[in-house]
C-alpha atoms as a PDB file:
ATOM      1  CA  MET A   1       9.371  -9.508  19.794  1.00  0.00           C
ATOM      2  CA  SER A   2       9.882  -6.202  21.686  1.00  0.00           C
ATOM      3  CA  SER A   3       7.079  -3.612  21.582  1.00  0.00           C
ATOM      4  CA  VAL A   4       8.708  -0.784  22.798  1.00  0.00           C
ATOM      5  CA  PRO A   5       5.610   2.381  23.806  1.00  0.00           C
ATOM      6  CA  THR A   6       7.883   4.794  23.631  1.00  0.00           C
ATOM      7  CA  LEU A   7       5.752   8.364  23.298  1.00  0.00           C
ATOM      8  CA  SER A   8       8.340  10.271  22.083  1.00  0.00           C
ATOM      9  CA  LEU A   9       9.116   8.339  19.026  1.00  0.00           C
ATOM     10  CA  PRO A  10       7.069  10.361  15.914  1.00  0.00           C
ATOM     11  CA  SER A  11       5.430   6.719  15.417  1.00  0.00           C
ATOM     12  CA  GLY A  12       4.466   6.174  18.524  1.00  0.00           C
ATOM     13  CA  ALA A  13       5.009   1.702  20.009  1.00  0.00           C
ATOM     14  CA  GLN A  14       7.297   0.084  17.764  1.00  0.00           C
ATOM     15  CA  HIS A  15       6.634  -3.918  17.525  1.00  0.00           C
ATOM     16  CA  GLU A  16       9.302  -5.420  16.110  1.00  0.00           C
ATOM     17  CA  ILE A  17       8.646  -9.380  15.298  1.00  0.00           C
ATOM     18  CA  ARG A  18      11.560 -11.988  14.312  1.00  0.00           C
ATOM     19  CA  HIS A  19      11.687 -15.146  12.453  1.00  0.00           C
ATOM     20  CA  GLY A  20      15.047 -16.094  11.918  1.00  0.00           C
ATOM     21  CA  SER A  21      17.261 -13.546  10.294  1.00  0.00           C
ATOM     22  CA  HIS A  22      13.356 -12.228   9.225  1.00  0.00           C
ATOM     23  CA  ARG A  23      12.710  -8.639  11.323  1.00  0.00           C
ATOM     24  CA  ALA A  24      10.112  -5.974  10.979  1.00  0.00           C
ATOM     25  CA  ILE A  25       8.988  -3.290  12.367  1.00  0.00           C
ATOM     26  CA  VAL A  26       5.099  -1.871  12.640  1.00  0.00           C
ATOM     27  CA  THR A  27       4.274   1.009  14.337  1.00  0.00           C
ATOM     28  CA  GLU A  28       1.539   2.573  17.111  1.00  0.00           C
ATOM     29  CA  VAL A  29       1.007   5.171  14.540  1.00  0.00           C
ATOM     30  CA  GLY A  30      -1.397   4.290  10.981  1.00  0.00           C
ATOM     31  CA  ALA A  31      -0.391   0.415  12.073  1.00  0.00           C
ATOM     32  CA  THR A  32       2.657   1.566   9.271  1.00  0.00           C
ATOM     33  CA  LEU A  33       5.451  -0.822   8.683  1.00  0.00           C
ATOM     34  CA  ARG A  34       8.332   1.201   9.679  1.00  0.00           C
ATOM     35  CA  HIS A  35      10.905  -1.669   8.501  1.00  0.00           C
ATOM     36  CA  TYR A  36      11.199  -4.936   6.868  1.00  0.00           C
ATOM     37  CA  SER A  37      14.887  -6.670   6.548  1.00  0.00           C
ATOM     38  CA  VAL A  38      16.302 -10.036   5.739  1.00  0.00           C
ATOM     39  CA  ALA A  39      19.945 -11.012   7.002  1.00  0.00           C
ATOM     40  CA  ASP A  40      20.411  -6.869   7.612  1.00  0.00           C
ATOM     41  CA  ALA A  41      19.346  -6.671   3.636  1.00  0.00           C
ATOM     42  CA  ASP A  42      16.327  -4.273   2.868  1.00  0.00           C
ATOM     43  CA  VAL A  43      13.197  -5.545   1.240  1.00  0.00           C
ATOM     44  CA  ILE A  44      11.955  -2.630   2.576  1.00  0.00           C
ATOM     45  CA  ASP A  45      12.950   1.308   1.778  1.00  0.00           C
ATOM     46  CA  GLY A  46      11.012   2.240   5.338  1.00  0.00           C
ATOM     47  CA  PHE A  47      12.169   5.224   7.277  1.00  0.00           C
ATOM     48  CA  GLY A  48      13.817   5.929  10.856  1.00  0.00           C
ATOM     49  CA  ALA A  49      12.634   5.441  14.786  1.00  0.00           C
ATOM     50  CA  ASP A  50      12.924   9.705  15.083  1.00  0.00           C
ATOM     51  CA  GLU A  51      11.037  10.346  11.806  1.00  0.00           C
ATOM     52  CA  TRP A  52       7.228  10.262  10.770  1.00  0.00           C
ATOM     53  CA  SER A  53       6.214   8.129   7.560  1.00  0.00           C
ATOM     54  CA  PRO A  54       7.429  10.183   4.510  1.00  0.00           C
ATOM     55  CA  ASP A  55       5.805   9.619   1.085  1.00  0.00           C
ATOM     56  CA  GLY A  56       3.129   7.572   2.778  1.00  0.00           C
ATOM     57  CA  ARG A  57       6.023   4.662   3.634  1.00  0.00           C
ATOM     58  CA  GLY A  58       4.432   1.392   5.190  1.00  0.00           C
ATOM     59  CA  GLN A  59       1.225   3.122   5.299  1.00  0.00           C
ATOM     60  CA  VAL A  60      -2.003   2.040   5.152  1.00  0.00           C
ATOM     61  CA  LEU A  61      -4.191   3.521   3.250  1.00  0.00           C
ATOM     62  CA  ALA A  62      -8.270   3.603   3.992  1.00  0.00           C
ATOM     63  CA  PRO A  63     -11.454   3.998   3.663  1.00  0.00           C
ATOM     64  CA  TRP A  64      -9.740   5.066   0.404  1.00  0.00           C
ATOM     65  CA  PRO A  65      -6.348   4.261  -1.924  1.00  0.00           C
ATOM     66  CA  ASN A  66      -4.571   7.668  -3.454  1.00  0.00           C
ATOM     67  CA  ARG A  67      -6.643  10.663  -4.964  1.00  0.00           C
ATOM     68  CA  LEU A  68      -9.678  12.142  -4.228  1.00  0.00           C
ATOM     69  CA  ASP A  69     -10.955  14.650  -6.396  1.00  0.00           C
ATOM     70  CA  GLY A  70     -11.788  17.451  -3.655  1.00  0.00           C
ATOM     71  CA  GLY A  71     -11.923  15.185  -1.517  1.00  0.00           C
ATOM     72  CA  LYS A  72     -16.039  15.175  -2.353  1.00  0.00           C
ATOM     73  CA  TYR A  73     -18.624  12.396  -3.021  1.00  0.00           C
ATOM     74  CA  ARG A  74     -21.940  10.755  -2.235  1.00  0.00           C
ATOM     75  CA  PHE A  75     -22.881   7.684  -2.310  1.00  0.00           C
ATOM     76  CA  GLU A  76     -26.311   6.341  -1.472  1.00  0.00           C
ATOM     77  CA  GLY A  77     -27.368   9.669  -0.693  1.00  0.00           C
ATOM     78  CA  ARG A  78     -24.947  10.976   1.855  1.00  0.00           C
ATOM     79  CA  GLY A  79     -21.775  12.927   1.775  1.00  0.00           C
ATOM     80  CA  GLY A  80     -18.170  12.961   2.791  1.00  0.00           C
ATOM     81  CA  GLN A  81     -15.876  16.167   2.771  1.00  0.00           C
ATOM     82  CA  ALA A  82     -12.306  15.168   3.383  1.00  0.00           C
ATOM     83  CA  ALA A  83      -9.760  17.329   4.191  1.00  0.00           C
ATOM     84  CA  LEU A  84      -7.414  18.781   1.114  1.00  0.00           C
ATOM     85  CA  ASP A  85      -3.872  16.776   2.500  1.00  0.00           C
ATOM     86  CA  GLU A  86      -2.745  17.282  -1.405  1.00  0.00           C
ATOM     87  CA  PRO A  87      -3.398  21.254  -1.089  1.00  0.00           C
ATOM     88  CA  GLU A  88      -1.408  22.256  -4.407  1.00  0.00           C
ATOM     89  CA  LEU A  89      -3.497  19.358  -6.390  1.00  0.00           C
ATOM     90  CA  GLN A  90      -6.725  19.805  -4.597  1.00  0.00           C
ATOM     91  CA  ASN A  91      -7.172  16.664  -3.378  1.00  0.00           C
ATOM     92  CA  ALA A  92      -7.708  14.294  -0.676  1.00  0.00           C
ATOM     93  CA  ILE A  93      -5.457  11.505  -0.606  1.00  0.00           C
ATOM     94  CA  HIS A  94      -4.833   7.892   1.077  1.00  0.00           C
ATOM     95  CA  GLY A  95      -7.470   8.074   3.326  1.00  0.00           C
ATOM     96  CA  LEU A  96      -7.955   8.833   6.741  1.00  0.00           C
ATOM     97  CA  VAL A  97      -6.603   6.917   9.358  1.00  0.00           C
ATOM     98  CA  ARG A  98      -2.714   6.418   8.971  1.00  0.00           C
ATOM     99  CA  TRP A  99      -1.700   9.047  11.720  1.00  0.00           C
ATOM    100  CA  LEU A 100      -4.474   7.492  14.239  1.00  0.00           C
ATOM    101  CA  PRO A 101      -3.251   5.115  16.972  1.00  0.00           C
ATOM    102  CA  TRP A 102      -4.027   1.491  16.721  1.00  0.00           C
ATOM    103  CA  ARG A 103      -4.101  -0.030  19.158  1.00  0.00           C
ATOM    104  CA  THR A 104      -2.503  -4.547  20.145  1.00  0.00           C
ATOM    105  CA  ALA A 105      -4.792  -6.697  19.530  1.00  0.00           C
ATOM    106  CA  SER A 106      -2.745  -9.559  19.832  1.00  0.00           C
ATOM    107  CA  LYS A 107       1.101 -10.091  19.640  1.00  0.00           C
ATOM    108  CA  SER A 108       3.854 -13.229  19.187  1.00  0.00           C
ATOM    109  CA  ALA A 109       7.587 -13.673  18.179  1.00  0.00           C
ATOM    110  CA  ASP A 110       6.643 -13.917  14.326  1.00  0.00           C
ATOM    111  CA  GLY A 111       3.625 -11.399  14.144  1.00  0.00           C
ATOM    112  CA  VAL A 112       1.757  -8.237  15.324  1.00  0.00           C
ATOM    113  CA  GLU A 113      -2.109  -7.720  14.668  1.00  0.00           C
ATOM    114  CA  LEU A 114      -3.351  -3.839  15.258  1.00  0.00           C
ATOM    115  CA  THR A 115      -7.293  -2.211  15.740  1.00  0.00           C
ATOM    116  CA  CYS A 116      -8.284   1.181  14.531  1.00  0.00           C
ATOM    117  CA  VAL A 117     -12.048   2.106  15.359  1.00  0.00           C
ATOM    118  CA  LEU A 118     -12.854   4.570  12.047  1.00  0.00           C
ATOM    119  CA  HIS A 119     -15.536   7.012  13.631  1.00  0.00           C
ATOM    120  CA  PRO A 120     -17.805   8.572  11.342  1.00  0.00           C
ATOM    121  CA  GLN A 121     -16.910  12.820  10.849  1.00  0.00           C
ATOM    122  CA  PRO A 122     -17.203  14.568   8.008  1.00  0.00           C
ATOM    123  CA  GLY A 123     -14.779  13.159   5.791  1.00  0.00           C
ATOM    124  CA  TYR A 124     -16.417   9.750   5.984  1.00  0.00           C
ATOM    125  CA  PRO A 125     -20.444   9.741   7.696  1.00  0.00           C
ATOM    126  CA  TRP A 126     -19.868   5.959   8.860  1.00  0.00           C
ATOM    127  CA  ARG A 127     -18.631   3.656  11.304  1.00  0.00           C
ATOM    128  CA  LEU A 128     -15.614   1.226  10.280  1.00  0.00           C
ATOM    129  CA  ASP A 129     -13.647  -1.345  12.650  1.00  0.00           C
ATOM    130  CA  LEU A 130     -10.462  -2.100  10.959  1.00  0.00           C
ATOM    131  CA  GLN A 131      -7.943  -4.665  11.725  1.00  0.00           C
ATOM    132  CA  VAL A 132      -4.042  -5.160   9.986  1.00  0.00           C
ATOM    133  CA  GLY A 133      -2.283  -8.211  10.755  1.00  0.00           C
ATOM    134  CA  TYR A 134       1.265  -8.752  10.236  1.00  0.00           C
ATOM    135  CA  ARG A 135       3.382 -11.565  10.046  1.00  0.00           C
ATOM    136  CA  LEU A 136       7.120 -13.163   9.440  1.00  0.00           C
ATOM    137  CA  ASP A 137       8.133 -16.804   8.366  1.00  0.00           C
ATOM    138  CA  GLY A 138      10.265 -18.380   6.333  1.00  0.00           C
ATOM    139  CA  THR A 139       9.512 -17.405   2.777  1.00  0.00           C
ATOM    140  CA  GLY A 140       8.926 -14.048   3.774  1.00  0.00           C
ATOM    141  CA  LEU A 141       6.035 -11.508   5.154  1.00  0.00           C
ATOM    142  CA  THR A 142       2.151 -11.664   5.352  1.00  0.00           C
ATOM    143  CA  VAL A 143      -0.005  -8.959   5.144  1.00  0.00           C
ATOM    144  CA  SER A 144      -3.360  -9.156   6.099  1.00  0.00           C
ATOM    145  CA  PHE A 145      -6.325  -6.994   6.508  1.00  0.00           C
ATOM    146  CA  ARG A 146     -10.191  -6.703   7.849  1.00  0.00           C
ATOM    147  CA  ALA A 147     -12.445  -4.550   7.698  1.00  0.00           C
ATOM    148  CA  ARG A 148     -16.497  -4.602   9.418  1.00  0.00           C
ATOM    149  CA  ASN A 149     -19.150  -1.554   8.765  1.00  0.00           C
ATOM    150  CA  ALA A 150     -20.333  -0.379  11.807  1.00  0.00           C
ATOM    151  CA  SER A 151     -22.733   1.521  10.979  1.00  0.00           C
ATOM    152  CA  SER A 152     -26.256   1.030  10.244  1.00  0.00           C
ATOM    153  CA  VAL A 153     -26.640   1.381   6.844  1.00  0.00           C
ATOM    154  CA  PRO A 154     -24.582   0.509   3.549  1.00  0.00           C
ATOM    155  CA  ALA A 155     -21.042   1.383   3.771  1.00  0.00           C
ATOM    156  CA  PRO A 156     -18.159   2.869   0.554  1.00  0.00           C
ATOM    157  CA  PHE A 157     -14.980   1.223   0.882  1.00  0.00           C
ATOM    158  CA  GLY A 158     -11.378   0.559  -0.708  1.00  0.00           C
ATOM    159  CA  VAL A 159      -8.478  -0.293   1.379  1.00  0.00           C
ATOM    160  CA  GLY A 160      -4.499   0.046   0.143  1.00  0.00           C
ATOM    161  CA  PHE A 161      -0.734   0.122   1.259  1.00  0.00           C
ATOM    162  CA  HIS A 162       2.492   1.906  -0.067  1.00  0.00           C
ATOM    163  CA  PRO A 163       5.527  -0.261   0.808  1.00  0.00           C
ATOM    164  CA  TYR A 164       8.470   1.193  -1.407  1.00  0.00           C
ATOM    165  CA  LEU A 165      10.914  -1.807  -2.448  1.00  0.00           C
ATOM    166  CA  THR A 166      14.560  -1.427  -2.059  1.00  0.00           C
ATOM    167  CA  LEU A 167      17.556  -3.440  -3.228  1.00  0.00           C
ATOM    168  CA  GLY A 168      20.052  -1.168  -1.755  1.00  0.00           C
ATOM    169  CA  GLY A 169      20.964   1.076  -4.773  1.00  0.00           C
ATOM    170  CA  ALA A 170      19.479   3.809  -7.938  1.00  0.00           C
ATOM    171  CA  ILE A 171      16.820   1.716  -9.423  1.00  0.00           C
ATOM    172  CA  ASP A 172      17.905   2.558 -12.965  1.00  0.00           C
ATOM    173  CA  ASP A 173      18.971  -0.633 -13.831  1.00  0.00           C
ATOM    174  CA  ALA A 174      16.714  -2.805 -12.166  1.00  0.00           C
ATOM    175  CA  VAL A 175      14.540  -5.296 -13.636  1.00  0.00           C
ATOM    176  CA  LEU A 176      10.576  -4.877 -12.772  1.00  0.00           C
ATOM    177  CA  LYS A 177       7.542  -7.001 -14.269  1.00  0.00           C
ATOM    178  CA  ILE A 178       4.197  -6.001 -13.590  1.00  0.00           C
ATOM    179  CA  PRO A 179       1.058  -8.538 -14.301  1.00  0.00           C
ATOM    180  CA  ALA A 180      -1.153  -5.824 -15.316  1.00  0.00           C
ATOM    181  CA  THR A 181      -2.565  -6.028 -19.440  1.00  0.00           C
ATOM    182  CA  ARG A 182      -3.825  -2.555 -18.984  1.00  0.00           C
ATOM    183  CA  CYS A 183      -3.124   0.751 -16.885  1.00  0.00           C
ATOM    184  CA  LEU A 184      -5.055   4.031 -16.167  1.00  0.00           C
ATOM    185  CA  THR A 185      -4.606   7.350 -18.006  1.00  0.00           C
ATOM    186  CA  MET A 186      -4.453   9.998 -15.741  1.00  0.00           C
ATOM    187  CA  ASP A 187      -4.661  13.603 -15.616  1.00  0.00           C
ATOM    188  CA  GLY A 188      -2.601  16.734 -14.656  1.00  0.00           C
ATOM    189  CA  ARG A 189      -3.982  15.720 -10.883  1.00  0.00           C
ATOM    190  CA  GLY A 190      -3.025  12.480 -11.014  1.00  0.00           C
ATOM    191  CA  LEU A 191      -6.060  11.256 -11.474  1.00  0.00           C
ATOM    192  CA  PRO A 192      -7.574   8.799 -13.994  1.00  0.00           C
ATOM    193  CA  VAL A 193      -9.518   9.767 -16.919  1.00  0.00           C
ATOM    194  CA  GLY A 194      -9.744   6.320 -18.855  1.00  0.00           C
ATOM    195  CA  ASP A 195      -7.068   3.330 -19.040  1.00  0.00           C
ATOM    196  CA  ALA A 196      -5.311   1.510 -22.104  1.00  0.00           C
ATOM    197  CA  PRO A 197      -3.959  -1.899 -23.153  1.00  0.00           C
ATOM    198  CA  VAL A 198       0.284  -1.881 -21.828  1.00  0.00           C
ATOM    199  CA  ALA A 199       0.842  -3.901 -24.750  1.00  0.00           C
ATOM    200  CA  GLY A 200       3.007  -1.847 -27.206  1.00  0.00           C
ATOM    201  CA  SER A 201       3.825   0.543 -25.497  1.00  0.00           C
ATOM    202  CA  ASP A 202       6.468   1.289 -23.118  1.00  0.00           C
ATOM    203  CA  LEU A 203       4.140   0.906 -19.559  1.00  0.00           C
ATOM    204  CA  ASP A 204       4.042  -2.947 -20.573  1.00  0.00           C
ATOM    205  CA  PHE A 205       6.122  -4.840 -18.010  1.00  0.00           C
ATOM    206  CA  THR A 206       3.943  -8.029 -18.812  1.00  0.00           C
ATOM    207  CA  GLU A 207       7.746  -9.439 -19.208  1.00  0.00           C
ATOM    208  CA  PRO A 208      10.814  -8.735 -16.654  1.00  0.00           C
ATOM    209  CA  LYS A 209      12.424  -5.324 -18.378  1.00  0.00           C
ATOM    210  CA  SER A 210      14.540  -2.832 -16.996  1.00  0.00           C
ATOM    211  CA  ILE A 211      13.393   0.174 -15.925  1.00  0.00           C
ATOM    212  CA  GLY A 212      15.785   2.472 -17.242  1.00  0.00           C
ATOM    213  CA  SER A 213      14.579   6.258 -17.263  1.00  0.00           C
ATOM    214  CA  MET A 214      11.525   5.753 -16.811  1.00  0.00           C
ATOM    215  CA  ARG A 215       9.173   7.313 -14.660  1.00  0.00           C
ATOM    216  CA  LEU A 216       5.974   5.852 -13.309  1.00  0.00           C
ATOM    217  CA  ASP A 217       3.717   7.021 -11.307  1.00  0.00           C
ATOM    218  CA  THR A 218       1.413   4.603 -12.625  1.00  0.00           C
ATOM    219  CA  GLY A 219      -1.980   2.261 -11.523  1.00  0.00           C
ATOM    220  CA  TYR A 220      -2.089  -0.896 -13.021  1.00  0.00           C
ATOM    221  CA  ALA A 221      -5.543  -2.843 -13.289  1.00  0.00           C
ATOM    222  CA  GLN A 222      -6.909  -6.273 -14.660  1.00  0.00           C
ATOM    223  CA  LEU A 223      -4.115  -8.133 -13.101  1.00  0.00           C
ATOM    224  CA  VAL A 224      -2.700 -11.678 -14.013  1.00  0.00           C
ATOM    225  CA  ARG A 225      -2.916 -14.570 -11.650  1.00  0.00           C
ATOM    226  CA  GLY A 226      -1.366 -18.011 -10.721  1.00  0.00           C
ATOM    227  CA  ALA A 227      -3.783 -20.695 -10.837  1.00  0.00           C
ATOM    228  CA  ASP A 228      -3.489 -20.005  -6.478  1.00  0.00           C
ATOM    229  CA  GLY A 229      -5.595 -16.774  -7.838  1.00  0.00           C
ATOM    230  CA  LEU A 230      -2.479 -14.713  -6.523  1.00  0.00           C
ATOM    231  CA  ALA A 231      -0.507 -12.348  -8.653  1.00  0.00           C
ATOM    232  CA  ARG A 232       2.824 -10.969  -7.940  1.00  0.00           C
ATOM    233  CA  ALA A 233       4.311  -7.941  -9.168  1.00  0.00           C
ATOM    234  CA  CYS A 234       8.887  -8.607  -8.430  1.00  0.00           C
ATOM    235  CA  VAL A 235      11.675  -6.245  -8.936  1.00  0.00           C
ATOM    236  CA  ALA A 236      15.798  -7.214  -8.535  1.00  0.00           C
ATOM    237  CA  THR A 237      18.346  -6.194  -9.605  1.00  0.00           C
ATOM    238  CA  ARG A 238      19.877  -6.621 -12.724  1.00  0.00           C
ATOM    239  CA  ASP A 239      22.212  -9.745 -12.363  1.00  0.00           C
ATOM    240  CA  GLN A 240      19.395 -11.355 -10.411  1.00  0.00           C
ATOM    241  CA  GLY A 241      21.561 -11.684  -7.010  1.00  0.00           C
ATOM    242  CA  ARG A 242      19.244  -9.476  -5.110  1.00  0.00           C
ATOM    243  CA  GLY A 243      14.966  -9.213  -5.393  1.00  0.00           C
ATOM    244  CA  ALA A 244      11.781  -9.033  -3.637  1.00  0.00           C
ATOM    245  CA  SER A 245       8.425  -9.958  -4.617  1.00  0.00           C
ATOM    246  CA  LEU A 246       4.705  -8.266  -4.336  1.00  0.00           C
ATOM    247  CA  TRP A 247       1.912 -11.024  -3.817  1.00  0.00           C
ATOM    248  CA  VAL A 248      -1.231  -9.733  -3.964  1.00  0.00           C
ATOM    249  CA  ASP A 249      -4.427 -11.899  -3.680  1.00  0.00           C
ATOM    250  CA  PRO A 250      -8.014 -11.508  -5.225  1.00  0.00           C
ATOM    251  CA  LEU A 251      -9.266  -8.798  -2.529  1.00  0.00           C
ATOM    252  CA  PHE A 252      -6.728  -6.434  -4.456  1.00  0.00           C
ATOM    253  CA  ARG A 253      -7.246  -5.955  -8.366  1.00  0.00           C
ATOM    254  CA  TYR A 254      -5.372  -2.675  -8.528  1.00  0.00           C
ATOM    255  CA  LEU A 255      -1.174  -2.287  -8.388  1.00  0.00           C
ATOM    256  CA  MET A 256      -0.034   1.536  -8.240  1.00  0.00           C
ATOM    257  CA  VAL A 257       3.750   1.270  -9.095  1.00  0.00           C
ATOM    258  CA  TYR A 258       5.852   4.782  -8.324  1.00  0.00           C
ATOM    259  CA  THR A 259       9.180   5.380  -9.106  1.00  0.00           C
ATOM    260  CA  GLY A 260       9.679   8.423  -6.882  1.00  0.00           C
ATOM    261  CA  ASP A 261      10.649  10.499  -9.187  1.00  0.00           C
ATOM    262  CA  LYS A 262       8.884  13.901  -7.567  1.00  0.00           C
ATOM    263  CA  LEU A 263       9.872  12.938  -3.398  1.00  0.00           C
ATOM    264  CA  GLU A 264      10.706  15.606  -1.242  1.00  0.00           C
ATOM    265  CA  VAL A 265      14.190  14.298  -0.284  1.00  0.00           C
ATOM    266  CA  VAL A 266      15.934  14.545  -2.795  1.00  0.00           C
ATOM    267  CA  SER A 267      19.121  11.542  -2.044  1.00  0.00           C
ATOM    268  CA  ARG A 268      14.803   9.377  -1.181  1.00  0.00           C
ATOM    269  CA  ARG A 269      13.865   9.543  -5.432  1.00  0.00           C
ATOM    270  CA  ARG A 270      14.890   6.413  -7.332  1.00  0.00           C
ATOM    271  CA  ARG A 271      16.314   4.176  -5.097  1.00  0.00           C
ATOM    272  CA  ALA A 272      13.355   2.252  -4.276  1.00  0.00           C
ATOM    273  CA  VAL A 273      10.247   1.074  -6.379  1.00  0.00           C
ATOM    274  CA  ALA A 274       6.783   1.677  -4.442  1.00  0.00           C
ATOM    275  CA  ILE A 275       4.400  -0.701  -5.684  1.00  0.00           C
ATOM    276  CA  GLU A 276       1.251  -0.225  -3.941  1.00  0.00           C
ATOM    277  CA  PRO A 277      -1.859  -2.696  -3.942  1.00  0.00           C
ATOM    278  CA  MET A 278      -4.837  -1.193  -4.139  1.00  0.00           C
ATOM    279  CA  THR A 279      -8.533  -2.992  -4.111  1.00  0.00           C
ATOM    280  CA  CYS A 280      -9.565  -0.219  -6.366  1.00  0.00           C
ATOM    281  CA  PRO A 281      -8.341   2.417  -8.313  1.00  0.00           C
ATOM    282  CA  PRO A 282      -7.412   6.885  -7.227  1.00  0.00           C
ATOM    283  CA  ASN A 283     -10.304   8.782  -6.721  1.00  0.00           C
ATOM    284  CA  ALA A 284     -13.000   5.519  -6.560  1.00  0.00           C
ATOM    285  CA  LEU A 285     -14.838   6.771  -4.011  1.00  0.00           C
ATOM    286  CA  ARG A 286     -16.197   9.789  -6.895  1.00  0.00           C
ATOM    287  CA  SER A 287     -15.892   7.936  -9.722  1.00  0.00           C
ATOM    288  CA  GLY A 288     -17.625   4.507  -8.478  1.00  0.00           C
ATOM    289  CA  THR A 289     -14.913   2.319 -10.282  1.00  0.00           C
ATOM    290  CA  ASP A 290     -14.776  -1.191  -7.960  1.00  0.00           C
ATOM    291  CA  VAL A 291     -15.860   0.728  -4.622  1.00  0.00           C
ATOM    292  CA  LEU A 292     -16.777  -2.229  -2.492  1.00  0.00           C
ATOM    293  CA  LYS A 293     -19.858  -2.298  -0.788  1.00  0.00           C
ATOM    294  CA  LEU A 294     -20.277  -2.771   2.647  1.00  0.00           C
ATOM    295  CA  GLU A 295     -23.550  -3.861   4.442  1.00  0.00           C
ATOM    296  CA  PRO A 296     -24.507  -3.132   7.795  1.00  0.00           C
ATOM    297  CA  GLY A 297     -21.824  -5.883   9.881  1.00  0.00           C
ATOM    298  CA  GLN A 298     -20.860  -7.278   6.836  1.00  0.00           C
ATOM    299  CA  LEU A 299     -16.880  -8.293   6.929  1.00  0.00           C
ATOM    300  CA  VAL A 300     -14.198  -7.495   3.844  1.00  0.00           C
ATOM    301  CA  GLU A 301     -10.806  -9.235   4.020  1.00  0.00           C
ATOM    302  CA  GLY A 302      -7.297  -9.596   2.059  1.00  0.00           C
ATOM    303  CA  ARG A 303      -3.885 -10.439   2.085  1.00  0.00           C
ATOM    304  CA  TRP A 304      -1.351  -9.383   0.799  1.00  0.00           C
ATOM    305  CA  GLY A 305       2.532 -10.602   1.173  1.00  0.00           C
ATOM    306  CA  LEU A 306       6.713  -9.522   0.054  1.00  0.00           C
ATOM    307  CA  VAL A 307       8.731 -12.730  -0.893  1.00  0.00           C
ATOM    308  CA  PRO A 308      12.581 -11.970  -0.501  1.00  0.00           C
ATOM    309  CA  GLY A 309      14.560 -13.449  -3.040  1.00  0.00           C
ATOM    310  CA  GLY A 310      16.852 -12.921  -6.678  1.00  0.00           C
ATOM    311  CA  ALA A 311      15.254 -14.507  -9.392  1.00  0.00           C
ATOM    312  CA  ILE A 312      11.696 -12.600 -10.932  1.00  0.00           C
ATOM    313  CA  ARG A 313       9.311 -15.436 -11.838  1.00  0.00           C
END
C-alpha cells in the first residue's frame, strides 16, 4: 500500500490499497473513495488525482445524507442551520464532513482506516467522532463506518455514501436490480413528500430489467434482505459479462439511485449509476424519519460493500 501526502493535490493525501488485481484509492479529503478497479477495469466512475470530487463521487455523507430543506431543523430543543450548498433549490446537501481532512488511524497493504472529529457548529451543534474503513479482499471492497456521540446530550444522526457504479459505457442498455418494494415521491426540490409501492410502476426494479431511457433520481425504501440480513442492488451489461453488486447491512435502510442526467459535465451524464446507501431518507433531520438518536457516548456502526462480477443475483 502507498500513501502519498501530496499537498498540491485537491483531495490531499492519496491512500492506495491493493489485494490481487483489486485496487482502490481513498483520499484524505472527505475519506472519499476516488478509485476502485479490478484488473484495470473500473468498478466505480471516480475522478482524477488532479480533481476535487465532482457530483459527490465516492464521498461520505454525514451527519445527514442527501438534501435538508433550508438547512434548518430542530432536535430535542436544539436548532441547526447549515449553509445552503445547493442554493438553486435552497437546500443544504450531503452533510458536513465531505470536504474535511480525515486523519489516518491505521493502514496496511489491503486496507486503510480514517478518522474525523466533527466539532459543534451552527449546522450541527453536537460533537461526533467518526471513523471510516476501506478493505479489499478476493471478493471485493468492504466499507465500515463508526460514529460516536461525544456530546453530553443526545444527538441526531444519519449517514450515506455516494459511489457511482460503472460498466465502462453508457448505462441505457444496462440491467438494474434494486431490492426495494417502495419508493419515495419527491417534490421539485428533491425533498420527500410521501412514498408509494413500486409494484406496477416503471420504478419497479425488484426483478432485473433494462434501464433504457429511464431518468432516475429516486429514493428506495423497504429493502428486501437475504437470510444474511444484507440487501443487494446490482447493475450489469445486458449479456451480464460485466457488472457489480452493492450490498448493505441492516443499518442502511434506504438506497438513492441516480442515473446522472443532470450532471454539470455533459460527458459524465448517464455513464454510471449512483447507488447510494443511506440510513435515513432525504430531509430526515427535519422530518425526523428514521433519524438515529445517539445517546451521549453511544457508538453506531455499519457496513456496506461492492462485489464486482457479471451475473445479477
